[in-house]
C-alpha cells in the first residue's frame, strides 16, 4: 500500500510539473507576442512617417501666422528650356513599327527599355548595330537609362549577331 501512495505522489508531482511548464510557456508566448507586436506597430508607424515625408504636403508645418506684406516686384528669370538631344538617324537609319524586331533578345533590354527605344524611333537590330559613340550617348540620355549600360552590355555587337541570325 505504501508503494502505491509513493507511486501516486510521483505521478501527481509529474502532472503538476507538466502543468506548470505549459502555463509558463503559454504566458511567455503571450508576453513576448505583446512586446514584439508593439515594436512591430512602432516600426510600421515610423515607416508611414518616412513614406509620407516624401510628399510635399506632408512636409509642410503649421506655425504662427506670419503677417503678409504688400508684394514687391520681383524679377523672375525665365526657366531655361532644356532641349533633349536629337538622334542622328542618318548615321544608323530609320525604321518604323512595321519593321520592328524583338529588342528584348538583346541582353540588358527588357520590355520597359524596348518601349523607351521604340518611343524614340529605334525598332530594329540593324539600327542598334550601327550605333556610333555619339548615338549611344544620345540614346542613353533620351531613354534615361544607366549611363554606360549600352556599352557595358555591348548592345551593338549583340544586335549585329541577332541581325545576322534573321
Protein backbone atom coordinates (compact mmCIF):
# COMPACT_ATOMS: atom_id res chain seq x y z
CA UNK A 1 0.00 0.00 0.00
CA UNK A 2 2.87 2.33 0.77
CA UNK A 3 4.38 1.72 -2.67
CA UNK A 4 1.09 2.69 -4.35
CA UNK A 5 0.93 6.00 -2.46
CA UNK A 6 4.55 6.70 -3.27
CA UNK A 7 3.94 5.98 -6.97
CA UNK A 8 0.76 8.13 -6.99
CA UNK A 9 2.70 11.01 -5.45
CA UNK A 10 5.26 10.82 -8.24
CA UNK A 11 2.56 10.90 -10.89
CA UNK A 12 0.88 13.88 -9.23
CA UNK A 13 4.21 15.67 -8.99
CA UNK A 14 4.94 14.93 -12.66
CA UNK A 15 1.49 16.16 -13.66
CA UNK A 16 1.93 19.37 -11.63
CA UNK A 17 5.34 19.99 -13.25
CA UNK A 18 3.86 19.46 -16.72
CA UNK A 19 1.01 21.89 -15.97
CA UNK A 20 3.48 24.46 -14.60
CA UNK A 21 5.66 24.10 -17.70
CA UNK A 22 2.72 24.54 -20.08
CA UNK A 23 1.39 27.51 -18.10
CA UNK A 24 4.82 29.18 -18.13
CA UNK A 25 5.30 28.53 -21.81
CA UNK A 26 1.88 29.95 -22.75
CA UNK A 27 2.36 33.03 -20.57
CA UNK A 28 5.81 33.73 -22.02
CA UNK A 29 4.46 33.45 -25.59
CA UNK A 30 1.65 35.85 -24.75
CA UNK A 31 4.01 38.38 -23.14
CA UNK A 32 6.56 38.18 -25.98
CA UNK A 33 3.82 38.45 -28.60
CA UNK A 34 2.54 41.64 -26.99
CA UNK A 35 6.06 43.02 -26.68
CA UNK A 36 7.00 42.31 -30.29
CA UNK A 37 3.60 43.39 -31.60
CA UNK A 38 4.05 46.82 -30.02
CA UNK A 39 7.56 47.03 -31.55
CA UNK A 40 6.18 46.00 -34.93
CA UNK A 41 3.43 48.63 -34.70
CA UNK A 42 6.07 51.23 -33.81
CA UNK A 43 8.15 50.26 -36.86
CA UNK A 44 5.11 50.44 -39.14
CA UNK A 45 4.28 53.93 -37.84
CA UNK A 46 7.87 55.05 -38.50
CA UNK A 47 7.71 53.57 -41.99
CA UNK A 48 4.49 55.51 -42.68
CA UNK A 49 6.12 58.72 -41.45
CA UNK A 50 9.09 58.15 -43.75
CA UNK A 51 6.90 57.32 -46.71
CA UNK A 52 4.70 60.36 -46.10
CA UNK A 53 7.80 62.50 -45.65
CA UNK A 54 8.44 62.37 -49.39
CA UNK A 55 5.13 64.06 -50.14
CA UNK A 56 5.22 67.81 -50.38
CA UNK A 57 2.04 68.31 -48.34
CA UNK A 58 3.33 66.06 -45.58
CA UNK A 59 6.44 68.21 -45.19
CA UNK A 60 4.54 71.41 -44.54
CA UNK A 61 4.49 72.63 -40.97
CA UNK A 62 1.96 74.89 -39.42
CA UNK A 63 3.27 77.66 -37.27
CA UNK A 64 2.12 81.06 -36.13
CA UNK A 65 0.71 83.10 -38.99
CA UNK A 66 3.24 85.48 -40.46
CA UNK A 67 1.99 88.97 -41.29
CA UNK A 68 1.77 89.41 -45.03
CA UNK A 69 3.42 92.47 -46.53
CA UNK A 70 2.45 94.03 -49.80
CA UNK A 71 4.03 92.12 -52.63
CA UNK A 72 7.15 93.63 -54.10
CA UNK A 73 8.01 93.50 -57.74
CA UNK A 74 10.28 90.53 -58.19
CA UNK A 75 12.10 89.78 -61.37
CA UNK A 76 11.79 86.16 -62.18
CA UNK A 77 14.23 84.68 -64.62
CA UNK A 78 12.61 82.64 -67.33
CA UNK A 79 13.42 78.98 -66.86
CA UNK A 80 15.83 77.70 -69.45
CA UNK A 81 14.18 75.15 -71.60
CA UNK A 82 16.18 72.00 -71.55
CA UNK A 83 16.36 70.69 -75.06
CA UNK A 84 16.51 66.99 -75.49
CA UNK A 85 19.23 65.86 -77.86
CA UNK A 86 18.18 64.80 -81.33
CA UNK A 87 19.05 61.42 -82.74
CA UNK A 88 21.11 61.35 -85.91
CA UNK A 89 19.03 58.87 -87.89
CA UNK A 90 21.34 59.38 -90.88
CA UNK A 91 24.11 57.51 -89.08
CA UNK A 92 22.11 54.40 -88.16
CA UNK A 93 18.99 54.57 -90.32
CA UNK A 94 15.28 55.00 -89.85
CA UNK A 95 12.74 52.30 -89.22
CA UNK A 96 9.09 52.15 -88.29
CA UNK A 97 6.89 49.86 -86.29
CA UNK A 98 6.19 47.58 -89.26
CA UNK A 99 9.90 46.60 -89.35
CA UNK A 100 10.09 46.09 -85.59
CA UNK A 101 12.45 43.41 -84.17
CA UNK A 102 12.14 41.86 -80.71
CA UNK A 103 14.73 44.06 -79.00
CA UNK A 104 14.25 42.13 -75.74
CA UNK A 105 16.54 39.46 -77.23
CA UNK A 106 19.43 41.83 -76.50
CA UNK A 107 20.83 41.22 -73.03
CA UNK A 108 20.07 44.28 -70.90
CA UNK A 109 16.92 45.23 -72.82
CA UNK A 110 13.65 44.40 -71.13
CA UNK A 111 10.08 45.35 -72.03
CA UNK A 112 10.42 48.78 -70.43
CA UNK A 113 13.65 49.67 -72.27
CA UNK A 114 12.27 48.26 -75.52
CA UNK A 115 9.26 50.56 -75.16
CA UNK A 116 11.57 53.52 -74.50
CA UNK A 117 13.69 52.68 -77.56
CA UNK A 118 10.58 52.35 -79.71
CA UNK A 119 9.31 55.71 -78.46
CA UNK A 120 12.43 57.45 -79.80
CA UNK A 121 12.30 55.64 -83.15
CA UNK A 122 14.59 52.65 -82.64
CA UNK A 123 12.90 49.46 -83.76
CA UNK A 124 15.47 47.14 -85.35
CA UNK A 125 18.68 45.28 -84.61
CA UNK A 126 20.16 46.91 -87.70
CA UNK A 127 19.73 50.37 -86.20
CA UNK A 128 21.34 49.38 -82.89
CA UNK A 129 24.21 47.57 -84.63
CA UNK A 130 25.15 50.83 -86.41
CA UNK A 131 25.28 53.00 -83.28
CA UNK A 132 28.28 55.29 -83.01
CA UNK A 133 29.64 56.53 -79.69
CA UNK A 134 27.66 59.77 -80.11
CA UNK A 135 24.49 57.81 -80.88
CA UNK A 136 25.00 55.72 -77.73
CA UNK A 137 25.37 58.85 -75.60
CA UNK A 138 22.27 60.42 -77.16
CA UNK A 139 20.18 57.25 -76.73
CA UNK A 140 21.33 56.89 -73.12
CA UNK A 141 20.24 60.44 -72.41
CA UNK A 142 16.93 60.07 -74.23
CA UNK A 143 15.87 56.81 -72.57
CA UNK A 144 17.22 57.99 -69.21
CA UNK A 145 18.87 54.66 -68.53
CA UNK A 146 22.01 53.75 -66.63
CA UNK A 147 24.94 55.56 -68.24
CA UNK A 148 27.39 53.16 -69.83
CA UNK A 149 24.92 50.26 -69.88
CA UNK A 150 24.71 50.12 -73.68
CA UNK A 151 28.50 49.84 -73.96
CA UNK A 152 28.90 47.53 -70.98
CA UNK A 153 26.29 45.07 -72.27
CA UNK A 154 27.65 45.61 -75.81
CA UNK A 155 24.26 46.12 -77.45
CA UNK A 156 25.82 46.91 -80.82
CA UNK A 157 27.65 43.57 -81.05
CA UNK A 158 24.61 41.64 -79.81
CA UNK A 159 22.38 43.45 -82.31
CA UNK A 160 24.83 42.64 -85.13
CA UNK A 161 24.74 38.94 -84.22
CA UNK A 162 20.94 38.91 -83.93
CA UNK A 163 20.63 40.77 -87.25
CA UNK A 164 22.75 38.10 -88.95
CA UNK A 165 20.63 35.30 -87.45
CA UNK A 166 17.44 36.60 -89.07
